[in-house]
Amino acid sequence: IAYAEACDECWVIGGAQIYGMFLDRVQEIHVTTVHTSGSGDVKFPDWDRSGWEENIVEKIEADGNNEHSTTYSIWTKII
């Protein structure tokens, strides 16, 4: 964490416990949401989104190349 705080930009690649350690320290969160239930073992922790603004960058529908639809969004902390 100390190393990350000294950087201008840092990408955190979790698990949930690692993500949770950084939630109060970041200004921006990049999230890819896979719209499915019961699959995958890496989850982002629940967080209070009331102080954040979502900008959806890309939506991909399920098709022959993509088993599940996905949404890529950037959440920015409201200052």
Protein backbone atom coordinates (compact mmCIF):
# COMPACT_ATOMS: atom_id res chain seq x y z
CA ILE A 1 0.00 0.00 0.00
CA ALA A 2 2.83 2.41 0.84
CA TYR A 3 4.41 1.79 -2.56
CA ALA A 4 1.10 2.41 -4.33
CA GLU A 5 0.57 5.70 -2.49
CA ALA A 6 3.89 6.97 -3.83
CA CYS A 7 2.82 6.37 -7.46
CA ASP A 8 0.90 8.70 -9.74
CA GLU A 9 -1.04 5.73 -11.08
CA CYS A 10 -1.41 2.23 -9.72
CA TRP A 11 -3.52 -0.71 -10.90
CA VAL A 12 -4.76 -3.06 -8.19
CA ILE A 13 -5.59 -6.58 -9.29
CA GLY A 14 -7.33 -8.35 -6.40
CA GLY A 15 -9.07 -10.65 -4.97
CA ALA A 16 -11.75 -9.04 -2.92
CA GLN A 17 -9.60 -8.67 0.19
CA ILE A 18 -6.93 -6.74 -1.75
CA TYR A 19 -9.54 -4.55 -3.47
CA GLY A 20 -11.08 -3.78 -0.08
CA MET A 21 -7.74 -2.54 1.25
CA PHE A 22 -7.66 0.15 -1.44
CA LEU A 23 -11.29 1.32 -1.63
CA ASP A 24 -10.75 4.31 0.67
CA ARG A 25 -7.53 5.29 -1.10
CA VAL A 26 -8.55 5.51 -4.76
CA GLN A 27 -10.26 8.16 -6.87
CA GLU A 28 -11.21 5.90 -9.76
CA ILE A 29 -12.28 2.27 -10.12
CA HIS A 30 -12.37 0.36 -13.42
CA VAL A 31 -14.92 -2.46 -13.25
CA THR A 32 -15.78 -5.21 -15.71
CA THR A 33 -19.08 -6.78 -14.72
CA VAL A 34 -19.87 -10.21 -16.12
CA HIS A 35 -23.64 -10.59 -16.04
CA THR A 36 -24.02 -14.10 -14.67
CA SER A 37 -24.65 -15.69 -11.32
CA GLY A 38 -22.87 -18.47 -9.56
CA SER A 39 -19.72 -18.46 -11.66
CA GLY A 40 -16.23 -17.10 -11.10
CA ASP A 41 -14.30 -16.89 -7.88
CA VAL A 42 -12.97 -13.32 -7.98
CA LYS A 43 -15.47 -10.83 -6.65
CA PHE A 44 -15.23 -7.13 -5.98
CA PRO A 45 -16.34 -6.26 -2.43
CA ASP A 46 -19.61 -4.44 -1.88
CA TRP A 47 -19.01 -0.73 -1.42
CA ASP A 48 -21.09 2.38 -0.80
CA ARG A 49 -21.56 3.72 -4.33
CA SER A 50 -23.40 6.86 -3.20
CA GLY A 51 -20.16 8.88 -3.34
CA TRP A 52 -19.26 7.62 -6.81
CA GLU A 53 -20.34 8.36 -10.38
CA GLU A 54 -20.43 5.59 -13.02
CA ASN A 55 -19.45 6.14 -16.64
CA ILE A 56 -20.28 3.12 -18.79
CA VAL A 57 -17.56 2.73 -21.39
CA GLU A 58 -18.68 -0.42 -23.20
CA LYS A 59 -21.48 -2.99 -23.14
CA ILE A 60 -21.08 -6.33 -24.88
CA GLU A 61 -24.07 -8.58 -25.37
CA ALA A 62 -23.85 -12.36 -25.11
CA ASP A 63 -23.39 -13.90 -28.54
CA GLY A 64 -21.50 -16.65 -30.33
CA ASN A 65 -18.18 -15.22 -29.11
CA ASN A 66 -19.26 -14.16 -25.60
CA GLU A 67 -21.04 -16.59 -23.30
CA HIS A 68 -22.27 -13.78 -21.01
CA SER A 69 -22.95 -10.11 -21.53
CA THR A 70 -20.45 -7.75 -19.88
CA THR A 71 -20.29 -4.10 -18.94
CA TYR A 72 -17.02 -2.17 -18.60
CA SER A 73 -17.39 0.99 -16.54
CA ILE A 74 -15.28 3.55 -14.75
CA TRP A 75 -16.41 4.76 -11.35
CA THR A 76 -15.09 8.18 -10.27
CA LYS A 77 -15.19 9.40 -6.69
CA ILE A 78 -17.30 12.54 -6.33
CA ILE A 79 -15.19 15.11 -4.54
